[in-house]
Amino acid sequence: MFIRSVLDAIGDRPLAAVPPGTTIRDAAHLLDRYNIGALAVMAEGALQGILSERDVIRRCIAQDADPATTLVDAVMTRDPETVDAAAGLADAIARMEAGQFRHLPVMRDGTCIGILSIRDIPTEYRMMFERFREMRG
């Protein structure tokens, strides 16, 4: 399959999301169950933030906070960078590299419909992007 857009890369995978009041422990169980690295944090259908494994480690565990009582909204990344579902993979890769993150919420008509992981982007696309960037100087 030729991937043309961010939407092609995420396919029909359902959005993995939690509400802001979820405990870090419960969120970590979802990350583990679905073998993913980030969750959308949603309230009333709107994206509030993103919770990544890195957020859990750096803002909870490394700060000696109790995952059983610490809430997602205390450690999530607020107002995350997003990418439109129709955007090309080069745009998504550029945003990930510029922001030094591996997950991007995917938006369509103002609604979060998924999370793009760097793992969703085929290695060949990342290599082509890198070569293109090198050629541009």
N, C-alpha and C. Protein backbone atom coordinates (compact mmCIF):
# COMPACT_ATOMS: atom_id res chain seq x y z
N MET A 1 0.84 -1.18 0.00
CA MET A 1 0.00 0.00 0.00
C MET A 1 0.88 1.24 0.00
N PHE A 2 0.57 2.19 -0.84
CA PHE A 2 1.29 3.44 -0.90
C PHE A 2 0.65 4.42 0.06
N ILE A 3 1.42 4.89 1.03
CA ILE A 3 0.90 5.81 2.03
C ILE A 3 1.06 7.23 1.49
N ARG A 4 -0.05 7.92 1.37
CA ARG A 4 -0.04 9.26 0.81
C ARG A 4 -0.23 10.34 1.88
N SER A 5 -0.86 10.00 2.99
CA SER A 5 -1.19 11.02 3.99
C SER A 5 -1.05 10.43 5.39
N VAL A 6 -1.16 11.31 6.36
CA VAL A 6 -1.15 10.88 7.75
C VAL A 6 -2.30 9.91 8.01
N LEU A 7 -3.46 10.19 7.42
CA LEU A 7 -4.61 9.30 7.60
C LEU A 7 -4.31 7.91 7.08
N ASP A 8 -3.62 7.80 5.96
CA ASP A 8 -3.23 6.48 5.45
C ASP A 8 -2.33 5.76 6.44
N ALA A 9 -1.45 6.51 7.10
CA ALA A 9 -0.50 5.90 8.04
C ALA A 9 -1.19 5.37 9.30
N ILE A 10 -2.21 6.07 9.79
CA ILE A 10 -2.88 5.58 11.01
C ILE A 10 -3.98 4.59 10.70
N GLY A 11 -4.43 4.57 9.45
CA GLY A 11 -5.46 3.61 9.05
C GLY A 11 -6.75 3.79 9.83
N ASP A 12 -7.38 2.68 10.13
CA ASP A 12 -8.66 2.73 10.85
C ASP A 12 -8.51 2.38 12.33
N ARG A 13 -7.29 2.51 12.83
CA ARG A 13 -7.02 2.23 14.24
C ARG A 13 -7.85 3.19 15.10
N PRO A 14 -8.55 2.67 16.10
CA PRO A 14 -9.36 3.56 16.95
C PRO A 14 -8.48 4.46 17.82
N LEU A 15 -9.02 5.60 18.18
CA LEU A 15 -8.32 6.54 19.04
C LEU A 15 -8.21 5.98 20.44
N ALA A 16 -7.00 5.92 20.96
CA ALA A 16 -6.77 5.50 22.34
C ALA A 16 -6.76 6.76 23.19
N ALA A 17 -7.74 6.90 24.07
CA ALA A 17 -7.89 8.14 24.82
C ALA A 17 -8.34 7.87 26.25
N VAL A 18 -8.04 8.84 27.11
CA VAL A 18 -8.49 8.82 28.50
C VAL A 18 -8.97 10.21 28.87
N PRO A 19 -9.86 10.31 29.88
CA PRO A 19 -10.23 11.63 30.39
C PRO A 19 -9.14 12.16 31.33
N PRO A 20 -9.09 13.47 31.55
CA PRO A 20 -8.04 14.06 32.38
C PRO A 20 -7.97 13.51 33.80
N GLY A 21 -9.05 13.08 34.37
CA GLY A 21 -9.07 12.61 35.76
C GLY A 21 -8.62 11.18 35.95
N THR A 22 -8.12 10.53 34.92
CA THR A 22 -7.64 9.16 35.01
C THR A 22 -6.32 9.13 35.78
N THR A 23 -6.11 8.09 36.57
CA THR A 23 -4.82 7.98 37.26
C THR A 23 -3.74 7.53 36.27
N ILE A 24 -2.52 7.88 36.61
CA ILE A 24 -1.39 7.46 35.79
C ILE A 24 -1.31 5.94 35.72
N ARG A 25 -1.60 5.27 36.83
CA ARG A 25 -1.57 3.81 36.84
C ARG A 25 -2.55 3.24 35.81
N ASP A 26 -3.79 3.74 35.80
CA ASP A 26 -4.78 3.25 34.85
C ASP A 26 -4.38 3.57 33.41
N ALA A 27 -3.82 4.76 33.19
CA ALA A 27 -3.36 5.13 31.85
C ALA A 27 -2.21 4.23 31.42
N ALA A 28 -1.30 3.91 32.34
CA ALA A 28 -0.18 3.03 32.01
C ALA A 28 -0.67 1.63 31.64
N HIS A 29 -1.72 1.18 32.29
CA HIS A 29 -2.29 -0.12 31.94
C HIS A 29 -2.82 -0.11 30.50
N LEU A 30 -3.43 1.01 30.09
CA LEU A 30 -3.91 1.12 28.70
C LEU A 30 -2.75 1.15 27.72
N LEU A 31 -1.71 1.91 28.04
CA LEU A 31 -0.53 1.93 27.18
C LEU A 31 0.02 0.53 26.99
N ASP A 32 0.08 -0.22 28.07
CA ASP A 32 0.59 -1.58 28.01
C ASP A 32 -0.36 -2.50 27.24
N ARG A 33 -1.64 -2.43 27.54
CA ARG A 33 -2.62 -3.31 26.91
C ARG A 33 -2.63 -3.16 25.39
N TYR A 34 -2.55 -1.91 24.92
CA TYR A 34 -2.61 -1.67 23.48
C TYR A 34 -1.23 -1.56 22.83
N ASN A 35 -0.18 -1.73 23.63
CA ASN A 35 1.20 -1.68 23.13
C ASN A 35 1.45 -0.39 22.34
N ILE A 36 1.11 0.73 22.97
CA ILE A 36 1.28 2.05 22.35
C ILE A 36 2.09 2.94 23.28
N GLY A 37 2.57 4.05 22.74
CA GLY A 37 3.43 4.93 23.51
C GLY A 37 2.78 6.22 23.96
N ALA A 38 1.52 6.46 23.55
CA ALA A 38 0.87 7.71 23.94
C ALA A 38 -0.65 7.56 23.86
N LEU A 39 -1.32 8.36 24.69
CA LEU A 39 -2.78 8.41 24.73
C LEU A 39 -3.23 9.85 24.52
N ALA A 40 -4.34 10.03 23.83
CA ALA A 40 -4.96 11.35 23.75
C ALA A 40 -5.70 11.57 25.07
N VAL A 41 -5.65 12.77 25.57
CA VAL A 41 -6.40 13.13 26.77
C VAL A 41 -7.57 13.98 26.28
N MET A 42 -8.78 13.44 26.45
CA MET A 42 -9.98 14.05 25.88
C MET A 42 -10.99 14.40 26.96
N ALA A 43 -11.62 15.55 26.82
CA ALA A 43 -12.72 15.96 27.70
C ALA A 43 -13.83 16.53 26.84
N GLU A 44 -15.01 15.97 26.95
CA GLU A 44 -16.18 16.41 26.20
C GLU A 44 -15.88 16.46 24.70
N GLY A 45 -15.16 15.46 24.20
CA GLY A 45 -14.87 15.36 22.78
C GLY A 45 -13.75 16.25 22.28
N ALA A 46 -13.13 17.02 23.17
CA ALA A 46 -12.07 17.94 22.75
C ALA A 46 -10.71 17.45 23.28
N LEU A 47 -9.69 17.62 22.46
CA LEU A 47 -8.34 17.25 22.85
C LEU A 47 -7.82 18.22 23.90
N GLN A 48 -7.45 17.69 25.05
CA GLN A 48 -6.90 18.49 26.14
C GLN A 48 -5.37 18.40 26.20
N GLY A 49 -4.86 17.26 25.75
CA GLY A 49 -3.42 17.04 25.80
C GLY A 49 -3.09 15.66 25.31
N ILE A 50 -1.82 15.30 25.50
CA ILE A 50 -1.36 13.96 25.14
C ILE A 50 -0.51 13.45 26.29
N LEU A 51 -0.66 12.18 26.60
CA LEU A 51 0.12 11.55 27.66
C LEU A 51 1.02 10.52 27.01
N SER A 52 2.32 10.75 27.08
CA SER A 52 3.28 9.80 26.50
C SER A 52 3.98 9.04 27.61
N GLU A 53 4.65 7.98 27.21
CA GLU A 53 5.45 7.22 28.17
C GLU A 53 6.49 8.14 28.81
N ARG A 54 7.04 9.02 28.03
CA ARG A 54 8.04 9.97 28.54
C ARG A 54 7.44 10.88 29.62
N ASP A 55 6.20 11.33 29.42
CA ASP A 55 5.53 12.14 30.43
C ASP A 55 5.39 11.37 31.74
N VAL A 56 4.99 10.10 31.62
CA VAL A 56 4.82 9.26 32.81
C VAL A 56 6.14 9.12 33.57
N ILE A 57 7.20 8.86 32.83
CA ILE A 57 8.50 8.64 33.48
C ILE A 57 9.04 9.93 34.07
N ARG A 58 9.08 10.99 33.28
CA ARG A 58 9.74 12.23 33.72
C ARG A 58 8.91 13.06 34.70
N ARG A 59 7.60 13.08 34.51
CA ARG A 59 6.77 13.97 35.33
C ARG A 59 6.06 13.28 36.47
N CYS A 60 6.14 11.96 36.49
CA CYS A 60 5.50 11.22 37.58
C CYS A 60 6.54 10.38 38.32
N ILE A 61 7.00 9.32 37.69
CA ILE A 61 7.91 8.38 38.34
C ILE A 61 9.19 9.06 38.82
N ALA A 62 9.84 9.84 37.95
CA ALA A 62 11.11 10.48 38.32
C ALA A 62 10.93 11.57 39.37
N GLN A 63 9.70 12.05 39.55
CA GLN A 63 9.41 13.06 40.56
C GLN A 63 8.88 12.44 41.85
N ASP A 64 8.95 11.10 41.93
CA ASP A 64 8.48 10.35 43.10
C ASP A 64 6.99 10.56 43.40
N ALA A 65 6.20 10.84 42.35
CA ALA A 65 4.75 10.94 42.51
C ALA A 65 4.16 9.53 42.46
N ASP A 66 3.08 9.34 43.16
CA ASP A 66 2.42 8.03 43.23
C ASP A 66 1.52 7.84 42.01
N PRO A 67 1.82 6.89 41.13
CA PRO A 67 0.99 6.67 39.94
C PRO A 67 -0.45 6.28 40.27
N ALA A 68 -0.68 5.76 41.46
CA ALA A 68 -2.03 5.35 41.85
C ALA A 68 -2.91 6.55 42.20
N THR A 69 -2.30 7.68 42.52
CA THR A 69 -3.08 8.87 42.90
C THR A 69 -2.84 10.08 42.00
N THR A 70 -1.75 10.07 41.25
CA THR A 70 -1.45 11.18 40.35
C THR A 70 -2.35 11.08 39.13
N LEU A 71 -2.95 12.20 38.76
CA LEU A 71 -3.88 12.22 37.63
C LEU A 71 -3.18 12.61 36.33
N VAL A 72 -3.73 12.11 35.25
CA VAL A 72 -3.19 12.35 33.92
C VAL A 72 -3.00 13.85 33.65
N ASP A 73 -3.98 14.66 34.03
CA ASP A 73 -3.88 16.09 33.72
C ASP A 73 -2.75 16.79 34.47
N ALA A 74 -2.17 16.15 35.47
CA ALA A 74 -1.04 16.73 36.18
C ALA A 74 0.28 16.52 35.45
N VAL A 75 0.35 15.53 34.57
CA VAL A 75 1.62 15.21 33.90
C VAL A 75 1.56 15.23 32.38
N MET A 76 0.36 15.36 31.81
CA MET A 76 0.23 15.33 30.36
C MET A 76 0.89 16.55 29.72
N THR A 77 1.15 16.45 28.43
CA THR A 77 1.60 17.59 27.65
C THR A 77 0.36 18.33 27.17
N ARG A 78 0.22 19.54 27.64
CA ARG A 78 -0.95 20.35 27.27
C ARG A 78 -0.75 21.00 25.90
N ASP A 79 -1.87 21.24 25.22
CA ASP A 79 -1.84 21.90 23.92
C ASP A 79 -0.75 21.34 23.02
N PRO A 80 -0.80 20.04 22.75
CA PRO A 80 0.27 19.44 21.93
C PRO A 80 0.21 19.91 20.48
N GLU A 81 1.34 19.83 19.84
CA GLU A 81 1.41 20.04 18.39
C GLU A 81 0.51 18.96 17.77
N THR A 82 -0.21 19.31 16.73
CA THR A 82 -1.08 18.35 16.05
C THR A 82 -0.77 18.37 14.55
N VAL A 83 -1.34 17.41 13.85
CA VAL A 83 -1.20 17.35 12.40
C VAL A 83 -2.56 17.01 11.82
N ASP A 84 -2.86 17.61 10.67
CA ASP A 84 -4.13 17.33 10.00
C ASP A 84 -4.06 15.96 9.34
N ALA A 85 -5.18 15.27 9.34
CA ALA A 85 -5.24 13.92 8.76
C ALA A 85 -4.86 13.91 7.29
N ALA A 86 -5.12 15.00 6.58
CA ALA A 86 -4.83 15.06 5.14
C ALA A 86 -3.38 15.46 4.86
N ALA A 87 -2.63 15.83 5.88
CA ALA A 87 -1.25 16.27 5.68
C ALA A 87 -0.39 15.12 5.18
N GLY A 88 0.69 15.49 4.51
CA GLY A 88 1.65 14.49 4.04
C GLY A 88 2.56 14.03 5.16
N LEU A 89 3.18 12.89 4.95
CA LEU A 89 4.08 12.35 5.98
C LEU A 89 5.30 13.23 6.20
N ALA A 90 5.76 13.92 5.15
CA ALA A 90 6.91 14.81 5.31
C ALA A 90 6.60 15.91 6.33
N ASP A 91 5.37 16.43 6.28
CA ASP A 91 4.97 17.46 7.25
C ASP A 91 4.98 16.89 8.67
N ALA A 92 4.46 15.69 8.83
CA ALA A 92 4.42 15.06 10.15
C ALA A 92 5.84 14.79 10.67
N ILE A 93 6.70 14.27 9.80
CA ILE A 93 8.08 13.99 10.21
C ILE A 93 8.78 15.29 10.62
N ALA A 94 8.59 16.35 9.83
CA ALA A 94 9.22 17.64 10.13
C ALA A 94 8.76 18.16 11.49
N ARG A 95 7.47 18.04 11.79
CA ARG A 95 6.96 18.50 13.09
C ARG A 95 7.53 17.67 14.24
N MET A 96 7.60 16.36 14.03
CA MET A 96 8.15 15.49 15.07
C MET A 96 9.62 15.82 15.33
N GLU A 97 10.38 15.99 14.26
CA GLU A 97 11.80 16.31 14.44
C GLU A 97 11.99 17.68 15.08
N ALA A 98 11.24 18.67 14.64
CA ALA A 98 11.37 20.02 15.19
C ALA A 98 11.03 20.05 16.68
N GLY A 99 9.99 19.31 17.06
CA GLY A 99 9.56 19.30 18.46
C GLY A 99 10.22 18.23 19.31
N GLN A 100 11.00 17.36 18.68
CA GLN A 100 11.67 16.25 19.35
C GLN A 100 10.69 15.36 20.12
N PHE A 101 9.61 14.98 19.43
CA PHE A 101 8.67 14.03 20.00
C PHE A 101 8.34 12.97 18.98
N ARG A 102 7.74 11.87 19.47
CA ARG A 102 7.47 10.71 18.62
C ARG A 102 6.00 10.45 18.36
N HIS A 103 5.13 11.29 18.91
CA HIS A 103 3.69 11.10 18.74
C HIS A 103 3.02 12.43 18.42
N LEU A 104 2.08 12.39 17.49
CA LEU A 104 1.32 13.58 17.10
C LEU A 104 -0.17 13.25 17.06
N PRO A 105 -0.99 13.99 17.78
CA PRO A 105 -2.43 13.82 17.61
C PRO A 105 -2.83 14.20 16.18
N VAL A 106 -3.72 13.41 15.61
CA VAL A 106 -4.18 13.62 14.24
C VAL A 106 -5.58 14.22 14.29
N MET A 107 -5.74 15.35 13.60
CA MET A 107 -7.00 16.08 13.64
C MET A 107 -7.70 16.04 12.28
N ARG A 108 -9.03 15.99 12.34
CA ARG A 108 -9.85 16.13 11.15
C ARG A 108 -11.06 16.96 11.54
N ASP A 109 -11.24 18.08 10.87
CA ASP A 109 -12.36 18.99 11.15
C ASP A 109 -12.41 19.39 12.63
N GLY A 110 -11.25 19.63 13.22
CA GLY A 110 -11.19 20.09 14.61
C GLY A 110 -11.34 19.01 15.66
N THR A 111 -11.42 17.76 15.24
CA THR A 111 -11.59 16.65 16.16
C THR A 111 -10.39 15.71 16.09
N CYS A 112 -9.93 15.27 17.24
CA CYS A 112 -8.83 14.31 17.28
C CYS A 112 -9.37 12.94 16.89
N ILE A 113 -8.75 12.35 15.85
CA ILE A 113 -9.22 11.05 15.37
C ILE A 113 -8.20 9.94 15.58
N GLY A 114 -7.00 10.30 16.03
CA GLY A 114 -5.97 9.29 16.23
C GLY A 114 -4.67 9.92 16.68
N ILE A 115 -3.69 9.06 16.88
CA ILE A 115 -2.35 9.52 17.22
C ILE A 115 -1.38 8.84 16.27
N LEU A 116 -0.59 9.67 15.59
CA LEU A 116 0.45 9.17 14.70
C LEU A 116 1.71 8.95 15.51
N SER A 117 2.25 7.75 15.42
CA SER A 117 3.52 7.42 16.07
C SER A 117 4.61 7.38 15.01
N ILE A 118 5.81 7.69 15.39
CA ILE A 118 6.93 7.59 14.46
C ILE A 118 7.02 6.16 13.91
N ARG A 119 6.56 5.18 14.70
CA ARG A 119 6.56 3.79 14.25
C ARG A 119 5.57 3.54 13.11
N ASP A 120 4.58 4.44 12.96
CA ASP A 120 3.60 4.30 11.88
C ASP A 120 4.16 4.71 10.53
N ILE A 121 5.25 5.45 10.56
CA ILE A 121 5.84 5.97 9.32
C ILE A 121 6.91 4.98 8.86
N PRO A 122 6.73 4.42 7.68
CA PRO A 122 7.71 3.44 7.20
C PRO A 122 9.13 4.01 7.18
N THR A 123 10.09 3.17 7.50
CA THR A 123 11.49 3.57 7.54
C THR A 123 11.92 4.23 6.23
N GLU A 124 11.44 3.70 5.11
CA GLU A 124 11.82 4.25 3.81
C GLU A 124 11.41 5.72 3.69
N TYR A 125 10.26 6.08 4.23
CA TYR A 125 9.80 7.46 4.17
C TYR A 125 10.69 8.35 5.03
N ARG A 126 11.03 7.86 6.20
CA ARG A 126 11.91 8.65 7.09
C ARG A 126 13.28 8.84 6.44
N MET A 127 13.79 7.79 5.79
CA MET A 127 15.08 7.88 5.12
C MET A 127 15.02 8.87 3.95
N MET A 128 13.94 8.82 3.18
CA MET A 128 13.79 9.75 2.06
C MET A 128 13.72 11.19 2.57
N PHE A 129 13.01 11.39 3.66
CA PHE A 129 12.91 12.73 4.25
C PHE A 129 14.28 13.22 4.68
N GLU A 130 15.04 12.35 5.32
CA GLU A 130 16.38 12.71 5.78
C GLU A 130 17.28 13.06 4.58
N ARG A 131 17.23 12.26 3.53
CA ARG A 131 18.04 12.53 2.33
C ARG A 131 17.64 13.85 1.69
N PHE A 132 16.36 14.11 1.61
CA PHE A 132 15.87 15.36 1.04
C PHE A 132 16.37 16.55 1.86
N ARG A 133 16.30 16.44 3.15
CA ARG A 133 16.78 17.51 4.03
C ARG A 133 18.27 17.73 3.86
N GLU A 134 19.04 16.65 3.74
CA GLU A 134 20.48 16.77 3.52
C GLU A 134 20.79 17.46 2.21
N MET A 135 20.03 17.15 1.17
CA MET A 135 20.26 17.73 -0.14
C MET A 135 19.93 19.23 -0.15
N ARG A 136 18.95 19.62 0.62
CA ARG A 136 18.57 21.03 0.69
C ARG A 136 19.59 21.85 1.47
N GLY A 137 20.39 21.16 2.28
CA GLY A 137 21.44 21.85 3.02
C GLY A 137 20.93 22.34 4.30
